[in-house]
N, C-alpha and C. Protein backbone atom coordinates (compact mmCIF):
# COMPACT_ATOMS: atom_id res chain seq x y z
N MET A 1 135.88 31.17 -46.41
CA MET A 1 137.01 31.14 -47.30
C MET A 1 138.28 31.03 -46.47
N LYS A 2 139.16 30.11 -46.85
CA LYS A 2 140.41 29.92 -46.13
C LYS A 2 141.41 30.98 -46.55
N ALA A 3 142.15 31.47 -45.54
CA ALA A 3 143.20 32.44 -45.83
C ALA A 3 144.45 31.68 -46.25
N LYS A 4 145.06 32.14 -47.31
CA LYS A 4 146.28 31.50 -47.79
C LYS A 4 147.47 32.30 -47.28
N VAL A 5 148.45 31.58 -46.76
CA VAL A 5 149.68 32.22 -46.27
C VAL A 5 150.65 32.28 -47.44
N PRO A 6 151.10 33.49 -47.75
CA PRO A 6 152.08 33.59 -48.84
C PRO A 6 153.32 32.73 -48.55
N ILE A 7 153.86 32.12 -49.58
CA ILE A 7 155.01 31.24 -49.45
C ILE A 7 156.19 31.98 -48.82
N ALA A 8 156.40 33.21 -49.14
CA ALA A 8 157.53 33.98 -48.61
C ALA A 8 157.43 34.11 -47.09
N ILE A 9 156.21 34.35 -46.57
CA ILE A 9 156.03 34.49 -45.13
C ILE A 9 156.25 33.13 -44.46
N LEU A 10 155.75 32.07 -45.05
CA LEU A 10 155.95 30.73 -44.52
C LEU A 10 157.44 30.38 -44.48
N ALA A 11 158.15 30.67 -45.55
CA ALA A 11 159.59 30.39 -45.61
C ALA A 11 160.33 31.20 -44.55
N LEU A 12 159.97 32.46 -44.38
CA LEU A 12 160.60 33.31 -43.37
C LEU A 12 160.35 32.75 -41.97
N ALA A 13 159.14 32.27 -41.71
CA ALA A 13 158.82 31.70 -40.41
C ALA A 13 159.66 30.44 -40.15
N ILE A 14 159.83 29.59 -41.16
CA ILE A 14 160.63 28.38 -41.00
C ILE A 14 162.08 28.74 -40.72
N VAL A 15 162.63 29.71 -41.43
CA VAL A 15 164.01 30.15 -41.21
C VAL A 15 164.16 30.72 -39.81
N ALA A 16 163.20 31.52 -39.36
CA ALA A 16 163.25 32.12 -38.02
C ALA A 16 163.23 31.03 -36.94
N ILE A 17 162.37 30.03 -37.10
CA ILE A 17 162.31 28.93 -36.13
C ILE A 17 163.63 28.17 -36.12
N ALA A 18 164.18 27.90 -37.28
CA ALA A 18 165.46 27.20 -37.35
C ALA A 18 166.57 28.03 -36.71
N PHE A 19 166.59 29.32 -36.96
CA PHE A 19 167.61 30.19 -36.38
C PHE A 19 167.52 30.21 -34.86
N VAL A 20 166.32 30.34 -34.34
CA VAL A 20 166.13 30.36 -32.88
C VAL A 20 166.55 29.04 -32.27
N SER A 21 166.29 27.92 -32.95
CA SER A 21 166.60 26.62 -32.36
C SER A 21 168.08 26.29 -32.43
N ILE A 22 168.86 26.84 -33.37
CA ILE A 22 170.28 26.50 -33.44
C ILE A 22 171.19 27.63 -32.98
N SER A 23 170.71 28.84 -32.86
CA SER A 23 171.62 29.94 -32.56
C SER A 23 172.29 29.85 -31.20
N PRO A 24 171.65 29.37 -30.12
CA PRO A 24 172.38 29.27 -28.85
C PRO A 24 173.57 28.32 -28.94
N ALA A 25 173.40 27.19 -29.61
CA ALA A 25 174.51 26.25 -29.75
C ALA A 25 175.63 26.86 -30.58
N GLN A 26 175.26 27.53 -31.66
CA GLN A 26 176.27 28.16 -32.51
C GLN A 26 176.97 29.28 -31.76
N ALA A 27 176.20 30.08 -31.01
CA ALA A 27 176.80 31.17 -30.25
C ALA A 27 177.77 30.62 -29.21
N SER A 28 177.39 29.52 -28.55
CA SER A 28 178.27 28.89 -27.58
C SER A 28 179.54 28.40 -28.25
N SER A 29 179.39 27.73 -29.38
CA SER A 29 180.54 27.22 -30.12
C SER A 29 181.45 28.37 -30.55
N ASP A 30 180.87 29.46 -31.02
CA ASP A 30 181.68 30.61 -31.45
C ASP A 30 182.42 31.22 -30.27
N SER A 31 181.77 31.37 -29.12
CA SER A 31 182.45 31.94 -27.95
C SER A 31 183.51 30.97 -27.43
N ASP A 32 183.24 29.65 -27.52
CA ASP A 32 184.25 28.68 -27.13
C ASP A 32 185.47 28.78 -28.04
N LYS A 33 185.24 28.93 -29.33
CA LYS A 33 186.35 29.06 -30.28
C LYS A 33 187.20 30.28 -29.96
N VAL A 34 186.55 31.38 -29.60
CA VAL A 34 187.28 32.60 -29.23
C VAL A 34 188.13 32.32 -27.98
N GLU A 35 187.56 31.66 -26.99
CA GLU A 35 188.30 31.33 -25.76
C GLU A 35 189.48 30.40 -26.06
N ILE A 36 189.25 29.43 -26.92
CA ILE A 36 190.30 28.47 -27.25
C ILE A 36 191.42 29.13 -28.04
N MET A 37 191.08 30.02 -28.95
CA MET A 37 192.12 30.76 -29.68
C MET A 37 192.91 31.65 -28.71
N ALA A 38 192.23 32.24 -27.73
CA ALA A 38 192.92 33.05 -26.72
C ALA A 38 193.88 32.17 -25.90
N LEU A 39 193.44 30.96 -25.55
CA LEU A 39 194.31 30.01 -24.85
C LEU A 39 195.56 29.73 -25.68
N ASN A 40 195.38 29.48 -26.96
CA ASN A 40 196.52 29.19 -27.83
C ASN A 40 197.43 30.40 -28.00
N GLN A 41 196.85 31.59 -28.05
CA GLN A 41 197.69 32.78 -28.15
C GLN A 41 198.49 32.98 -26.87
N ARG A 42 197.87 32.70 -25.70
CA ARG A 42 198.62 32.77 -24.43
C ARG A 42 199.77 31.77 -24.44
N LEU A 43 199.52 30.57 -24.97
CA LEU A 43 200.57 29.55 -25.06
C LEU A 43 201.72 30.03 -25.94
N VAL A 44 201.40 30.56 -27.12
CA VAL A 44 202.42 31.06 -28.03
C VAL A 44 203.20 32.21 -27.38
N ASP A 45 202.49 33.16 -26.79
CA ASP A 45 203.16 34.30 -26.16
C ASP A 45 204.06 33.85 -25.02
N ALA A 46 203.58 32.92 -24.19
CA ALA A 46 204.38 32.43 -23.07
C ALA A 46 205.63 31.72 -23.58
N ALA A 47 205.49 30.92 -24.63
CA ALA A 47 206.65 30.24 -25.20
C ALA A 47 207.65 31.25 -25.76
N ASN A 48 207.15 32.25 -26.46
CA ASN A 48 208.05 33.26 -27.02
C ASN A 48 208.75 34.06 -25.93
N ASN A 49 208.14 34.14 -24.75
CA ASN A 49 208.76 34.82 -23.61
C ASN A 49 209.52 33.85 -22.71
N LYS A 50 209.55 32.57 -23.09
CA LYS A 50 210.23 31.52 -22.33
C LYS A 50 209.72 31.46 -20.89
N ASP A 51 208.42 31.68 -20.71
CA ASP A 51 207.79 31.72 -19.39
C ASP A 51 207.13 30.36 -19.11
N VAL A 52 207.89 29.47 -18.50
CA VAL A 52 207.42 28.10 -18.29
C VAL A 52 206.17 28.07 -17.41
N SER A 53 206.09 28.90 -16.38
CA SER A 53 204.90 28.92 -15.52
C SER A 53 203.66 29.29 -16.33
N ALA A 54 203.77 30.31 -17.18
CA ALA A 54 202.63 30.72 -18.01
C ALA A 54 202.29 29.65 -19.04
N ILE A 55 203.30 28.98 -19.57
CA ILE A 55 203.05 27.88 -20.51
C ILE A 55 202.25 26.79 -19.81
N MET A 56 202.72 26.37 -18.64
CA MET A 56 202.09 25.25 -17.95
C MET A 56 200.70 25.59 -17.43
N ALA A 57 200.40 26.87 -17.24
CA ALA A 57 199.05 27.28 -16.82
C ALA A 57 198.01 26.98 -17.91
N CYS A 58 198.46 26.72 -19.13
CA CYS A 58 197.56 26.41 -20.24
C CYS A 58 197.15 24.94 -20.27
N TYR A 59 197.78 24.11 -19.42
CA TYR A 59 197.59 22.66 -19.47
C TYR A 59 196.73 22.15 -18.33
N SER A 60 196.00 21.09 -18.60
CA SER A 60 195.16 20.41 -17.62
C SER A 60 196.02 19.71 -16.57
N ASP A 61 195.50 19.66 -15.35
CA ASP A 61 196.13 18.88 -14.27
C ASP A 61 195.61 17.44 -14.24
N ASP A 62 194.71 17.10 -15.13
CA ASP A 62 194.13 15.75 -15.18
C ASP A 62 195.26 14.72 -15.31
N PRO A 63 195.32 13.74 -14.42
CA PRO A 63 196.39 12.74 -14.49
C PRO A 63 196.33 11.88 -15.77
N ASP A 64 195.19 11.87 -16.46
CA ASP A 64 195.09 11.13 -17.71
C ASP A 64 195.57 11.93 -18.92
N ALA A 65 195.85 13.21 -18.73
CA ALA A 65 196.35 14.04 -19.84
C ALA A 65 197.74 13.56 -20.24
N ILE A 66 198.00 13.57 -21.54
CA ILE A 66 199.29 13.09 -22.06
C ILE A 66 199.71 13.98 -23.21
N PHE A 67 201.02 14.16 -23.35
CA PHE A 67 201.54 15.10 -24.33
C PHE A 67 202.65 14.44 -25.14
N PHE A 68 202.54 14.52 -26.47
CA PHE A 68 203.53 13.96 -27.39
C PHE A 68 204.31 15.12 -28.00
N GLU A 69 205.60 15.16 -27.73
CA GLU A 69 206.45 16.22 -28.26
C GLU A 69 207.32 15.66 -29.38
N ASP A 70 208.14 16.52 -29.98
CA ASP A 70 208.98 16.06 -31.09
C ASP A 70 210.34 15.54 -30.63
N THR A 71 210.53 15.43 -29.32
CA THR A 71 211.78 14.93 -28.78
C THR A 71 211.52 13.73 -27.89
N ILE A 72 212.57 13.10 -27.46
CA ILE A 72 212.49 11.96 -26.54
C ILE A 72 212.40 12.52 -25.13
N PRO A 73 211.59 12.00 -24.23
CA PRO A 73 210.80 10.78 -24.38
C PRO A 73 209.57 11.00 -25.26
N LEU A 74 209.04 9.92 -25.73
CA LEU A 74 207.93 9.93 -26.67
C LEU A 74 206.68 10.59 -26.11
N GLN A 75 206.36 10.31 -24.85
CA GLN A 75 205.17 10.90 -24.24
C GLN A 75 205.49 11.40 -22.84
N LEU A 76 204.79 12.45 -22.45
CA LEU A 76 205.05 13.10 -21.17
C LEU A 76 203.75 13.37 -20.44
N ASN A 77 203.81 13.31 -19.10
CA ASN A 77 202.70 13.84 -18.31
C ASN A 77 203.01 15.32 -18.04
N LYS A 78 202.15 16.01 -17.30
CA LYS A 78 202.33 17.45 -17.11
C LYS A 78 203.64 17.77 -16.37
N ALA A 79 203.96 17.01 -15.35
CA ALA A 79 205.20 17.27 -14.59
C ALA A 79 206.43 17.11 -15.48
N ALA A 80 206.46 16.04 -16.29
CA ALA A 80 207.59 15.82 -17.18
C ALA A 80 207.64 16.88 -18.28
N LEU A 81 206.47 17.31 -18.76
CA LEU A 81 206.43 18.37 -19.77
C LEU A 81 206.98 19.67 -19.19
N SER A 82 206.62 19.98 -17.97
CA SER A 82 207.13 21.19 -17.32
C SER A 82 208.65 21.13 -17.19
N LYS A 83 209.17 20.00 -16.76
CA LYS A 83 210.61 19.84 -16.61
C LYS A 83 211.31 19.95 -17.97
N SER A 84 210.75 19.32 -18.98
CA SER A 84 211.32 19.38 -20.34
C SER A 84 211.33 20.83 -20.85
N ASN A 85 210.22 21.54 -20.64
CA ASN A 85 210.16 22.94 -21.07
C ASN A 85 211.18 23.79 -20.33
N ALA A 86 211.31 23.59 -19.02
CA ALA A 86 212.28 24.38 -18.24
C ALA A 86 213.70 24.12 -18.74
N THR A 87 214.02 22.88 -19.04
CA THR A 87 215.35 22.55 -19.57
C THR A 87 215.58 23.22 -20.92
N PHE A 88 214.59 23.09 -21.82
CA PHE A 88 214.74 23.66 -23.15
C PHE A 88 214.85 25.19 -23.10
N TYR A 89 213.91 25.86 -22.45
CA TYR A 89 213.92 27.32 -22.45
C TYR A 89 215.10 27.88 -21.67
N GLY A 90 215.62 27.11 -20.71
CA GLY A 90 216.81 27.53 -19.99
C GLY A 90 218.06 27.45 -20.84
N ALA A 91 218.03 26.65 -21.90
CA ALA A 91 219.20 26.46 -22.76
C ALA A 91 219.19 27.34 -24.01
N VAL A 92 218.10 28.05 -24.25
CA VAL A 92 218.03 28.88 -25.46
C VAL A 92 218.07 30.36 -25.10
N SER A 93 218.71 31.13 -25.98
CA SER A 93 218.76 32.57 -25.74
C SER A 93 217.61 33.28 -26.46
N HIS A 94 217.04 32.61 -27.41
CA HIS A 94 215.95 33.19 -28.20
C HIS A 94 215.03 32.06 -28.63
N PHE A 95 213.74 32.32 -28.58
CA PHE A 95 212.77 31.35 -29.10
C PHE A 95 211.62 32.11 -29.73
N TYR A 96 211.17 31.62 -30.89
CA TYR A 96 210.01 32.22 -31.55
C TYR A 96 209.17 31.10 -32.14
N ASN A 97 207.86 31.18 -31.89
CA ASN A 97 206.93 30.28 -32.57
C ASN A 97 205.66 31.04 -32.91
N SER A 98 204.86 30.45 -33.77
CA SER A 98 203.60 31.07 -34.16
C SER A 98 202.62 30.00 -34.61
N MET A 99 201.40 30.43 -34.87
CA MET A 99 200.36 29.54 -35.37
C MET A 99 200.06 29.95 -36.81
N ARG A 100 200.12 29.01 -37.72
CA ARG A 100 199.78 29.29 -39.11
C ARG A 100 198.52 28.49 -39.46
N SER A 101 197.48 29.18 -39.89
CA SER A 101 196.22 28.58 -40.32
C SER A 101 195.55 27.72 -39.25
N PRO A 102 195.33 28.28 -38.05
CA PRO A 102 194.70 27.47 -37.00
C PRO A 102 193.24 27.14 -37.31
N VAL A 103 192.83 25.95 -36.90
CA VAL A 103 191.45 25.49 -37.04
C VAL A 103 191.01 24.99 -35.66
N VAL A 104 189.80 25.38 -35.25
CA VAL A 104 189.24 24.96 -33.98
C VAL A 104 187.88 24.32 -34.23
N VAL A 105 187.68 23.12 -33.68
CA VAL A 105 186.40 22.43 -33.76
C VAL A 105 185.97 22.12 -32.33
N VAL A 106 184.75 22.53 -31.98
CA VAL A 106 184.25 22.35 -30.61
C VAL A 106 183.05 21.42 -30.62
N SER A 107 183.02 20.51 -29.64
CA SER A 107 181.87 19.65 -29.43
C SER A 107 181.71 19.46 -27.93
N GLY A 108 180.75 20.15 -27.35
CA GLY A 108 180.52 20.04 -25.91
C GLY A 108 181.70 20.57 -25.12
N ASP A 109 182.24 19.72 -24.23
CA ASP A 109 183.36 20.12 -23.38
C ASP A 109 184.71 19.68 -23.93
N LEU A 110 184.74 19.28 -25.20
CA LEU A 110 185.99 18.92 -25.86
C LEU A 110 186.16 19.74 -27.13
N ALA A 111 187.39 20.03 -27.45
CA ALA A 111 187.68 20.76 -28.69
C ALA A 111 188.98 20.22 -29.27
N VAL A 112 189.11 20.33 -30.58
CA VAL A 112 190.33 19.96 -31.27
C VAL A 112 190.85 21.21 -31.97
N VAL A 113 192.15 21.40 -31.86
CA VAL A 113 192.82 22.53 -32.51
C VAL A 113 193.98 21.95 -33.32
N TYR A 114 194.17 22.46 -34.54
CA TYR A 114 195.37 22.07 -35.27
C TYR A 114 195.86 23.24 -36.09
N TYR A 115 197.17 23.27 -36.28
CA TYR A 115 197.80 24.30 -37.10
C TYR A 115 199.23 23.91 -37.43
N ILE A 116 199.80 24.65 -38.36
CA ILE A 116 201.22 24.52 -38.68
C ILE A 116 201.96 25.42 -37.69
N ALA A 117 203.05 24.91 -37.13
CA ALA A 117 203.77 25.63 -36.07
C ALA A 117 205.23 25.86 -36.46
N PRO A 118 205.53 27.01 -37.06
CA PRO A 118 206.93 27.34 -37.32
C PRO A 118 207.62 27.76 -36.01
N ASN A 119 208.82 27.25 -35.79
CA ASN A 119 209.60 27.56 -34.59
C ASN A 119 211.02 27.93 -35.01
N ALA A 120 211.64 28.83 -34.25
CA ALA A 120 213.05 29.16 -34.44
C ALA A 120 213.64 29.44 -33.06
N TRP A 121 214.88 29.02 -32.87
CA TRP A 121 215.53 29.25 -31.58
C TRP A 121 217.03 29.32 -31.76
N THR A 122 217.66 29.92 -30.79
CA THR A 122 219.12 30.02 -30.77
C THR A 122 219.61 29.41 -29.46
N ASP A 123 220.59 28.52 -29.59
CA ASP A 123 221.23 27.94 -28.41
C ASP A 123 222.74 27.99 -28.61
N LYS A 124 223.50 27.33 -27.77
CA LYS A 124 224.95 27.42 -27.85
C LYS A 124 225.53 26.85 -29.14
N SER A 125 224.76 26.02 -29.84
CA SER A 125 225.26 25.45 -31.10
C SER A 125 224.81 26.23 -32.32
N GLY A 126 224.03 27.29 -32.13
CA GLY A 126 223.63 28.11 -33.27
C GLY A 126 222.14 28.37 -33.32
N THR A 127 221.70 28.80 -34.50
CA THR A 127 220.29 29.10 -34.72
C THR A 127 219.65 27.93 -35.46
N HIS A 128 218.46 27.57 -35.04
CA HIS A 128 217.76 26.42 -35.59
C HIS A 128 216.32 26.83 -35.95
N SER A 129 215.72 26.04 -36.84
CA SER A 129 214.30 26.26 -37.14
C SER A 129 213.67 24.94 -37.53
N GLU A 130 212.38 24.89 -37.35
CA GLU A 130 211.61 23.73 -37.77
C GLU A 130 210.17 24.18 -38.01
N THR A 131 209.51 23.50 -38.89
CA THR A 131 208.09 23.72 -39.11
C THR A 131 207.39 22.43 -38.76
N GLY A 132 206.60 22.48 -37.71
CA GLY A 132 205.96 21.27 -37.22
C GLY A 132 204.46 21.26 -37.43
N ARG A 133 203.90 20.10 -37.15
CA ARG A 133 202.45 19.90 -37.16
C ARG A 133 202.01 19.84 -35.71
N TYR A 134 201.02 20.65 -35.40
CA TYR A 134 200.58 20.73 -34.01
C TYR A 134 199.09 20.43 -33.93
N THR A 135 198.74 19.51 -33.04
CA THR A 135 197.34 19.18 -32.78
C THR A 135 197.15 19.12 -31.28
N GLN A 136 196.05 19.65 -30.80
CA GLN A 136 195.75 19.55 -29.37
C GLN A 136 194.28 19.22 -29.18
N VAL A 137 194.02 18.56 -28.07
CA VAL A 137 192.65 18.33 -27.61
C VAL A 137 192.50 19.15 -26.34
N ASP A 138 191.53 20.03 -26.34
CA ASP A 138 191.25 20.85 -25.17
C ASP A 138 190.03 20.30 -24.46
N LYS A 139 190.02 20.48 -23.15
CA LYS A 139 188.92 20.00 -22.34
C LYS A 139 188.48 21.16 -21.44
N ARG A 140 187.16 21.36 -21.36
CA ARG A 140 186.64 22.40 -20.47
C ARG A 140 186.61 21.81 -19.06
N GLU A 141 187.36 22.43 -18.16
CA GLU A 141 187.44 21.98 -16.78
C GLU A 141 187.10 23.16 -15.88
N GLY A 142 186.04 23.03 -15.09
CA GLY A 142 185.64 24.12 -14.21
C GLY A 142 185.32 25.40 -14.98
N GLY A 143 184.76 25.25 -16.18
CA GLY A 143 184.39 26.40 -16.99
C GLY A 143 185.55 27.03 -17.76
N LYS A 144 186.72 26.41 -17.71
CA LYS A 144 187.92 26.97 -18.35
C LYS A 144 188.50 25.95 -19.33
N TRP A 145 188.85 26.39 -20.52
CA TRP A 145 189.46 25.51 -21.51
C TRP A 145 190.93 25.33 -21.17
N LEU A 146 191.39 24.06 -21.17
CA LEU A 146 192.79 23.72 -20.92
C LEU A 146 193.23 22.65 -21.91
N ILE A 147 194.52 22.61 -22.18
CA ILE A 147 195.07 21.60 -23.08
C ILE A 147 195.14 20.28 -22.33
N TRP A 148 194.43 19.29 -22.84
CA TRP A 148 194.37 17.98 -22.23
C TRP A 148 195.28 16.98 -22.95
N HIS A 149 195.52 17.21 -24.21
CA HIS A 149 196.41 16.36 -25.01
C HIS A 149 197.01 17.24 -26.11
N GLU A 150 198.28 17.03 -26.39
CA GLU A 150 198.87 17.70 -27.55
C GLU A 150 199.82 16.77 -28.25
N HIS A 151 199.99 17.04 -29.52
CA HIS A 151 200.90 16.26 -30.35
C HIS A 151 201.62 17.24 -31.26
N PHE A 152 202.92 17.29 -31.10
CA PHE A 152 203.76 18.11 -31.98
C PHE A 152 204.74 17.18 -32.66
N SER A 153 204.84 17.30 -33.98
CA SER A 153 205.78 16.45 -34.71
C SER A 153 206.25 17.16 -35.96
N VAL A 154 207.37 16.68 -36.47
CA VAL A 154 207.86 17.12 -37.77
C VAL A 154 207.81 15.90 -38.68
N PRO A 155 207.54 16.11 -39.97
CA PRO A 155 207.51 14.97 -40.88
C PRO A 155 208.92 14.42 -41.11
N PHE A 156 208.99 13.22 -41.65
CA PHE A 156 210.29 12.64 -41.97
C PHE A 156 210.29 12.15 -43.41
N ASP A 157 211.48 12.03 -43.96
CA ASP A 157 211.66 11.51 -45.31
C ASP A 157 211.80 10.00 -45.19
N PRO A 158 210.83 9.22 -45.72
CA PRO A 158 210.91 7.77 -45.57
C PRO A 158 212.12 7.15 -46.27
N ALA A 159 212.67 7.84 -47.28
CA ALA A 159 213.84 7.27 -47.99
C ALA A 159 215.09 7.34 -47.12
N THR A 160 215.21 8.38 -46.28
CA THR A 160 216.42 8.54 -45.47
C THR A 160 216.18 8.30 -44.00
N GLY A 161 214.92 8.38 -43.58
CA GLY A 161 214.59 8.25 -42.16
C GLY A 161 214.89 9.51 -41.37
N LYS A 162 215.28 10.59 -42.06
CA LYS A 162 215.64 11.84 -41.39
C LYS A 162 214.45 12.79 -41.35
N ALA A 163 214.42 13.57 -40.28
CA ALA A 163 213.37 14.58 -40.11
C ALA A 163 213.50 15.64 -41.21
N VAL A 164 212.35 16.12 -41.66
CA VAL A 164 212.31 17.23 -42.61
C VAL A 164 211.84 18.43 -41.78
N LEU A 165 212.80 19.22 -41.32
CA LEU A 165 212.50 20.26 -40.34
C LEU A 165 211.75 21.45 -40.88
N ASN A 166 211.83 21.70 -42.16
CA ASN A 166 211.15 22.87 -42.71
C ASN A 166 210.29 22.50 -43.91
N ALA A 167 209.53 21.44 -43.76
CA ALA A 167 208.60 21.02 -44.82
C ALA A 167 207.52 22.08 -44.99
N LYS A 168 207.00 22.16 -46.18
CA LYS A 168 205.92 23.10 -46.49
C LYS A 168 204.62 22.31 -46.63
N PRO A 169 203.51 22.90 -46.15
CA PRO A 169 202.22 22.20 -46.29
C PRO A 169 201.81 22.07 -47.75
């Protein structure tokens, strides 16, 4: 007489096999997401402290890395980004930014991060604010996640051609 395996035990075995086969990848992705969020928090904290060295430590040294900011010039390499940051943070007495609703997607040694980025600063002409769109591509280099590409922009009103500095999502 053949022994019959109850359906519940068979289903449990299938779920266990599936869990074992995908859990290392998921665990890796989850730990990568934690590392990437920590990288972004270091970036935010360094910017809020106007610490250009700490900001630039978050970026890749890869010569192919490129960064799009909301000011001219349109694109920067790491050296130009560092110089731009030093000029900006040297001219402001106060700076604040944060991450609103961050999302991280990881695939192998690349990751994409995006969030809404509210910023406020004070300079010699007064207090300013903007709410921007921030996207970055991170690359794992030597076991460490670094920003390999970023894009920060503010939307514009097509009827006037003017930036909408505090648009709401």
